[in-house]
Amino acid sequence: MNRSTKGVVIGGVAVALIIAILSPYIASTNPDGLGATAEHLNPALMKDNDFVNPGYWHAPFNNYEIWQIGGKLGGILALVLGLFIVMGVALGVSEIIKRKKRSEEAKIIDAKRSDA
């Protein structure tokens, strides 16, 4: 990664962190489309504006917060943790693609050398 690319990545991560930290304070308190639709179709599944899913596995960051902490701090931690998880997955995928590309380029170079 060259110097200008690092600057863009660091800037993007900084902006994403600022958005993650400010989101719980500026986000709408109205339910999103998915939550509103679930409440409209089956009100019994909604309890205290939270989707109740009996007998099923619960999402780790339900309602964009860590349930053990709750409140705005739980929301901030969930968003920051989610940001780092996504960045880690993206970095891992990009490294795999980069290694595969290098391997293919090395095979092409070796094939050209053997033909000469």
N, C-alpha and C. Protein backbone atom coordinates (compact mmCIF):
# COMPACT_ATOMS: atom_id res chain seq x y z
N MET A 1 0.85 -1.16 0.00
CA MET A 1 0.00 0.00 0.00
C MET A 1 0.91 1.23 0.00
N ASN A 2 0.68 2.09 -0.98
CA ASN A 2 1.52 3.28 -1.06
C ASN A 2 1.03 4.37 -0.11
N ARG A 3 1.78 5.46 -0.06
CA ARG A 3 1.52 6.52 0.92
C ARG A 3 0.17 7.20 0.71
N SER A 4 -0.20 7.50 -0.52
CA SER A 4 -1.48 8.18 -0.77
C SER A 4 -2.66 7.26 -0.46
N THR A 5 -2.52 5.97 -0.74
CA THR A 5 -3.58 5.02 -0.42
C THR A 5 -3.76 4.91 1.08
N LYS A 6 -2.66 4.89 1.83
CA LYS A 6 -2.76 4.84 3.29
C LYS A 6 -3.50 6.05 3.83
N GLY A 7 -3.25 7.22 3.25
CA GLY A 7 -3.94 8.43 3.69
C GLY A 7 -5.43 8.35 3.47
N VAL A 8 -5.82 7.81 2.32
CA VAL A 8 -7.24 7.67 2.00
C VAL A 8 -7.89 6.66 2.95
N VAL A 9 -7.21 5.54 3.22
CA VAL A 9 -7.75 4.52 4.11
C VAL A 9 -7.89 5.07 5.53
N ILE A 10 -6.87 5.75 6.02
CA ILE A 10 -6.92 6.32 7.36
C ILE A 10 -8.03 7.37 7.46
N GLY A 11 -8.16 8.21 6.43
CA GLY A 11 -9.24 9.19 6.41
C GLY A 11 -10.62 8.54 6.41
N GLY A 12 -10.77 7.49 5.61
CA GLY A 12 -12.05 6.78 5.56
C GLY A 12 -12.40 6.12 6.88
N VAL A 13 -11.40 5.51 7.53
CA VAL A 13 -11.63 4.89 8.84
C VAL A 13 -11.99 5.95 9.88
N ALA A 14 -11.32 7.10 9.83
CA ALA A 14 -11.63 8.18 10.77
C ALA A 14 -13.06 8.67 10.59
N VAL A 15 -13.49 8.87 9.36
CA VAL A 15 -14.86 9.31 9.09
C VAL A 15 -15.86 8.25 9.56
N ALA A 16 -15.57 6.99 9.29
CA ALA A 16 -16.46 5.90 9.71
C ALA A 16 -16.56 5.84 11.23
N LEU A 17 -15.45 6.05 11.94
CA LEU A 17 -15.48 6.05 13.40
C LEU A 17 -16.29 7.23 13.94
N ILE A 18 -16.13 8.38 13.32
CA ILE A 18 -16.91 9.56 13.76
C ILE A 18 -18.40 9.30 13.57
N ILE A 19 -18.76 8.73 12.43
CA ILE A 19 -20.17 8.42 12.17
C ILE A 19 -20.68 7.38 13.17
N ALA A 20 -19.87 6.35 13.46
CA ALA A 20 -20.28 5.31 14.41
C ALA A 20 -20.49 5.89 15.80
N ILE A 21 -19.64 6.83 16.20
CA ILE A 21 -19.76 7.40 17.54
C ILE A 21 -20.95 8.35 17.62
N LEU A 22 -21.21 9.10 16.57
CA LEU A 22 -22.31 10.07 16.60
C LEU A 22 -23.68 9.47 16.27
N SER A 23 -23.71 8.31 15.62
CA SER A 23 -24.98 7.73 15.17
C SER A 23 -26.04 7.57 16.26
N PRO A 24 -25.70 7.06 17.43
CA PRO A 24 -26.76 6.92 18.44
C PRO A 24 -27.39 8.25 18.86
N TYR A 25 -26.68 9.34 18.69
CA TYR A 25 -27.19 10.64 19.10
C TYR A 25 -28.01 11.31 18.00
N ILE A 26 -27.74 10.97 16.74
CA ILE A 26 -28.43 11.66 15.65
C ILE A 26 -29.41 10.76 14.89
N ALA A 27 -29.43 9.47 15.21
CA ALA A 27 -30.30 8.54 14.48
C ALA A 27 -31.76 8.74 14.91
N SER A 28 -32.67 8.40 14.03
CA SER A 28 -34.09 8.52 14.30
C SER A 28 -34.52 7.47 15.32
N THR A 29 -35.45 7.84 16.18
CA THR A 29 -35.98 6.88 17.15
C THR A 29 -37.17 6.11 16.59
N ASN A 30 -37.64 6.48 15.41
CA ASN A 30 -38.72 5.75 14.76
C ASN A 30 -38.21 4.42 14.24
N PRO A 31 -39.04 3.38 14.26
CA PRO A 31 -38.57 2.08 13.77
C PRO A 31 -38.26 2.14 12.27
N ASP A 32 -37.29 1.34 11.87
CA ASP A 32 -36.97 1.29 10.45
C ASP A 32 -38.06 0.52 9.72
N GLY A 33 -37.95 0.46 8.42
CA GLY A 33 -38.97 -0.19 7.61
C GLY A 33 -39.19 -1.63 7.97
N LEU A 34 -38.12 -2.35 8.28
CA LEU A 34 -38.24 -3.76 8.61
C LEU A 34 -38.96 -3.95 9.93
N GLY A 35 -38.59 -3.14 10.93
CA GLY A 35 -39.26 -3.23 12.23
C GLY A 35 -40.72 -2.82 12.16
N ALA A 36 -41.01 -1.77 11.40
CA ALA A 36 -42.39 -1.31 11.26
C ALA A 36 -43.24 -2.36 10.54
N THR A 37 -42.67 -3.01 9.54
CA THR A 37 -43.40 -4.05 8.82
C THR A 37 -43.67 -5.25 9.72
N ALA A 38 -42.67 -5.66 10.51
CA ALA A 38 -42.86 -6.78 11.43
C ALA A 38 -43.94 -6.47 12.45
N GLU A 39 -43.94 -5.24 12.96
CA GLU A 39 -44.96 -4.84 13.93
C GLU A 39 -46.34 -4.81 13.28
N HIS A 40 -46.42 -4.35 12.05
CA HIS A 40 -47.70 -4.27 11.34
C HIS A 40 -48.25 -5.66 11.03
N LEU A 41 -47.40 -6.58 10.60
CA LEU A 41 -47.85 -7.92 10.20
C LEU A 41 -48.19 -8.80 11.40
N ASN A 42 -47.42 -8.69 12.48
CA ASN A 42 -47.66 -9.54 13.64
C ASN A 42 -47.27 -8.79 14.90
N PRO A 43 -48.19 -8.02 15.47
CA PRO A 43 -47.88 -7.22 16.66
C PRO A 43 -47.43 -8.07 17.85
N ALA A 44 -47.80 -9.35 17.89
CA ALA A 44 -47.42 -10.22 19.01
C ALA A 44 -45.90 -10.44 19.06
N LEU A 45 -45.23 -10.29 17.92
CA LEU A 45 -43.78 -10.48 17.90
C LEU A 45 -43.01 -9.27 18.40
N MET A 46 -43.71 -8.16 18.60
CA MET A 46 -43.05 -6.95 19.06
C MET A 46 -43.32 -6.77 20.55
N LYS A 47 -42.25 -6.49 21.30
CA LYS A 47 -42.37 -6.23 22.73
C LYS A 47 -41.46 -5.07 23.07
N ASP A 48 -42.00 -4.00 23.59
CA ASP A 48 -41.21 -2.81 23.94
C ASP A 48 -40.39 -2.32 22.75
N ASN A 49 -41.01 -2.27 21.57
CA ASN A 49 -40.37 -1.81 20.34
C ASN A 49 -39.15 -2.66 19.99
N ASP A 50 -39.15 -3.92 20.42
CA ASP A 50 -38.05 -4.84 20.13
C ASP A 50 -38.64 -6.12 19.56
N PHE A 51 -38.03 -6.64 18.54
CA PHE A 51 -38.51 -7.85 17.88
C PHE A 51 -38.24 -9.05 18.76
N VAL A 52 -39.27 -9.80 19.10
CA VAL A 52 -39.13 -10.99 19.94
C VAL A 52 -39.14 -12.20 19.01
N ASN A 53 -38.15 -13.03 19.11
CA ASN A 53 -37.99 -14.17 18.23
C ASN A 53 -37.83 -15.43 19.10
N PRO A 54 -38.93 -15.94 19.67
CA PRO A 54 -38.81 -17.06 20.61
C PRO A 54 -38.31 -18.34 19.93
N GLY A 55 -37.37 -18.99 20.59
CA GLY A 55 -36.87 -20.27 20.10
C GLY A 55 -35.80 -20.17 19.05
N TYR A 56 -35.40 -18.99 18.67
CA TYR A 56 -34.39 -18.82 17.65
C TYR A 56 -33.18 -18.12 18.24
N TRP A 57 -32.08 -18.22 17.53
CA TRP A 57 -30.85 -17.54 17.92
C TRP A 57 -31.03 -16.05 17.79
N HIS A 58 -30.55 -15.29 18.75
CA HIS A 58 -30.69 -13.84 18.71
C HIS A 58 -29.45 -13.19 18.10
N ALA A 59 -29.66 -12.13 17.37
CA ALA A 59 -28.56 -11.41 16.73
C ALA A 59 -27.66 -10.80 17.81
N PRO A 60 -26.34 -10.78 17.59
CA PRO A 60 -25.44 -10.26 18.61
C PRO A 60 -25.58 -8.76 18.85
N PHE A 61 -25.95 -8.00 17.82
CA PHE A 61 -26.10 -6.55 17.97
C PHE A 61 -27.53 -6.14 17.63
N ASN A 62 -28.49 -6.79 18.27
CA ASN A 62 -29.89 -6.50 18.01
C ASN A 62 -30.18 -5.04 18.32
N ASN A 63 -30.90 -4.38 17.43
CA ASN A 63 -31.20 -2.95 17.55
C ASN A 63 -29.95 -2.09 17.64
N TYR A 64 -28.88 -2.56 17.04
CA TYR A 64 -27.62 -1.80 16.96
C TYR A 64 -27.06 -1.45 18.33
N GLU A 65 -27.17 -2.37 19.27
CA GLU A 65 -26.56 -2.15 20.58
C GLU A 65 -26.14 -3.49 21.18
N ILE A 66 -25.24 -3.42 22.13
CA ILE A 66 -24.82 -4.61 22.86
C ILE A 66 -25.76 -4.73 24.05
N TRP A 67 -26.55 -5.79 24.10
CA TRP A 67 -27.65 -5.88 25.06
C TRP A 67 -27.19 -5.87 26.50
N GLN A 68 -25.99 -6.36 26.80
CA GLN A 68 -25.51 -6.38 28.17
C GLN A 68 -25.23 -4.97 28.67
N ILE A 69 -24.92 -4.05 27.76
CA ILE A 69 -24.58 -2.68 28.14
C ILE A 69 -25.78 -1.78 27.95
N GLY A 70 -26.41 -1.84 26.80
CA GLY A 70 -27.60 -1.06 26.52
C GLY A 70 -27.32 0.44 26.40
N GLY A 71 -28.36 1.18 26.08
CA GLY A 71 -28.26 2.62 25.97
C GLY A 71 -27.36 3.06 24.83
N LYS A 72 -26.99 4.33 24.89
CA LYS A 72 -26.18 4.91 23.82
C LYS A 72 -24.76 4.34 23.81
N LEU A 73 -24.22 4.04 24.99
CA LEU A 73 -22.87 3.45 25.04
C LEU A 73 -22.85 2.07 24.37
N GLY A 74 -23.88 1.27 24.62
CA GLY A 74 -23.98 -0.03 23.95
C GLY A 74 -24.10 0.12 22.45
N GLY A 75 -24.82 1.15 22.00
CA GLY A 75 -24.95 1.42 20.57
C GLY A 75 -23.62 1.82 19.96
N ILE A 76 -22.90 2.69 20.64
CA ILE A 76 -21.59 3.12 20.13
C ILE A 76 -20.64 1.93 20.05
N LEU A 77 -20.59 1.12 21.11
CA LEU A 77 -19.68 -0.03 21.11
C LEU A 77 -20.05 -1.03 20.02
N ALA A 78 -21.34 -1.27 19.82
CA ALA A 78 -21.77 -2.20 18.77
C ALA A 78 -21.37 -1.68 17.39
N LEU A 79 -21.56 -0.39 17.15
CA LEU A 79 -21.22 0.18 15.84
C LEU A 79 -19.71 0.16 15.60
N VAL A 80 -18.92 0.51 16.61
CA VAL A 80 -17.46 0.51 16.46
C VAL A 80 -16.96 -0.92 16.27
N LEU A 81 -17.48 -1.85 17.07
CA LEU A 81 -17.08 -3.25 16.92
C LEU A 81 -17.47 -3.78 15.54
N GLY A 82 -18.68 -3.47 15.09
CA GLY A 82 -19.12 -3.88 13.76
C GLY A 82 -18.25 -3.28 12.67
N LEU A 83 -17.85 -2.03 12.85
CA LEU A 83 -16.96 -1.37 11.88
C LEU A 83 -15.64 -2.13 11.77
N PHE A 84 -15.06 -2.49 12.92
CA PHE A 84 -13.78 -3.20 12.88
C PHE A 84 -13.92 -4.63 12.34
N ILE A 85 -15.06 -5.25 12.58
CA ILE A 85 -15.29 -6.59 12.01
C ILE A 85 -15.35 -6.50 10.49
N VAL A 86 -16.11 -5.53 9.98
CA VAL A 86 -16.23 -5.36 8.52
C VAL A 86 -14.88 -5.01 7.91
N MET A 87 -14.13 -4.11 8.56
CA MET A 87 -12.81 -3.74 8.04
C MET A 87 -11.87 -4.94 8.04
N GLY A 88 -11.93 -5.77 9.08
CA GLY A 88 -11.09 -6.96 9.13
C GLY A 88 -11.42 -7.95 8.02
N VAL A 89 -12.71 -8.17 7.79
CA VAL A 89 -13.13 -9.07 6.70
C VAL A 89 -12.68 -8.51 5.35
N ALA A 90 -12.88 -7.20 5.15
CA ALA A 90 -12.48 -6.58 3.89
C ALA A 90 -10.97 -6.68 3.68
N LEU A 91 -10.20 -6.46 4.74
CA LEU A 91 -8.75 -6.57 4.64
C LEU A 91 -8.34 -8.01 4.32
N GLY A 92 -8.98 -8.97 4.96
CA GLY A 92 -8.68 -10.38 4.70
C GLY A 92 -8.99 -10.78 3.26
N VAL A 93 -10.15 -10.35 2.76
CA VAL A 93 -10.52 -10.67 1.38
C VAL A 93 -9.56 -10.01 0.40
N SER A 94 -9.18 -8.75 0.68
CA SER A 94 -8.25 -8.07 -0.24
C SER A 94 -6.88 -8.74 -0.24
N GLU A 95 -6.44 -9.24 0.91
CA GLU A 95 -5.16 -9.95 0.95
C GLU A 95 -5.23 -11.26 0.17
N ILE A 96 -6.32 -11.98 0.28
CA ILE A 96 -6.49 -13.23 -0.47
C ILE A 96 -6.46 -12.95 -1.97
N ILE A 97 -7.18 -11.91 -2.39
CA ILE A 97 -7.21 -11.55 -3.82
C ILE A 97 -5.83 -11.13 -4.29
N LYS A 98 -5.12 -10.36 -3.46
CA LYS A 98 -3.79 -9.89 -3.83
C LYS A 98 -2.82 -11.07 -3.98
N ARG A 99 -2.88 -12.03 -3.06
CA ARG A 99 -1.99 -13.20 -3.15
C ARG A 99 -2.31 -14.05 -4.38
N LYS A 100 -3.59 -14.20 -4.67
CA LYS A 100 -3.98 -14.98 -5.84
C LYS A 100 -3.48 -14.31 -7.11
N LYS A 101 -3.60 -12.98 -7.17
CA LYS A 101 -3.14 -12.24 -8.34
C LYS A 101 -1.63 -12.37 -8.50
N ARG A 102 -0.89 -12.27 -7.39
CA ARG A 102 0.57 -12.43 -7.45
C ARG A 102 0.95 -13.84 -7.92
N SER A 103 0.20 -14.84 -7.44
CA SER A 103 0.47 -16.22 -7.83
C SER A 103 0.24 -16.42 -9.33
N GLU A 104 -0.84 -15.85 -9.85
CA GLU A 104 -1.12 -15.96 -11.28
C GLU A 104 -0.07 -15.23 -12.10
N GLU A 105 0.37 -14.05 -11.62
CA GLU A 105 1.40 -13.30 -12.35
C GLU A 105 2.72 -14.08 -12.35
N ALA A 106 3.04 -14.73 -11.23
CA ALA A 106 4.26 -15.52 -11.16
C ALA A 106 4.21 -16.71 -12.12
N LYS A 107 3.04 -17.34 -12.26
CA LYS A 107 2.90 -18.46 -13.19
C LYS A 107 3.10 -17.99 -14.63
N ILE A 108 2.57 -16.81 -14.97
CA ILE A 108 2.73 -16.26 -16.31
C ILE A 108 4.21 -15.97 -16.59
N ILE A 109 4.90 -15.37 -15.62
CA ILE A 109 6.32 -15.06 -15.79
C ILE A 109 7.13 -16.33 -15.95
N ASP A 110 6.82 -17.35 -15.14
CA ASP A 110 7.55 -18.63 -15.24
C ASP A 110 7.29 -19.29 -16.60
N ALA A 111 6.05 -19.20 -17.10
CA ALA A 111 5.73 -19.79 -18.40
C ALA A 111 6.50 -19.08 -19.51
N LYS A 112 6.63 -17.74 -19.42
CA LYS A 112 7.38 -17.00 -20.43
C LYS A 112 8.86 -17.35 -20.38
N ARG A 113 9.40 -17.55 -19.20
CA ARG A 113 10.81 -17.91 -19.04
C ARG A 113 11.08 -19.29 -19.62
N SER A 114 10.16 -20.23 -19.40
CA SER A 114 10.38 -21.58 -19.90
C SER A 114 10.25 -21.65 -21.41
N ASP A 115 9.47 -20.73 -22.02
CA ASP A 115 9.34 -20.69 -23.47
C ASP A 115 10.57 -20.10 -24.13
N ALA A 116 11.32 -19.28 -23.41
CA ALA A 116 12.47 -18.57 -24.01
C ALA A 116 13.68 -19.42 -24.12
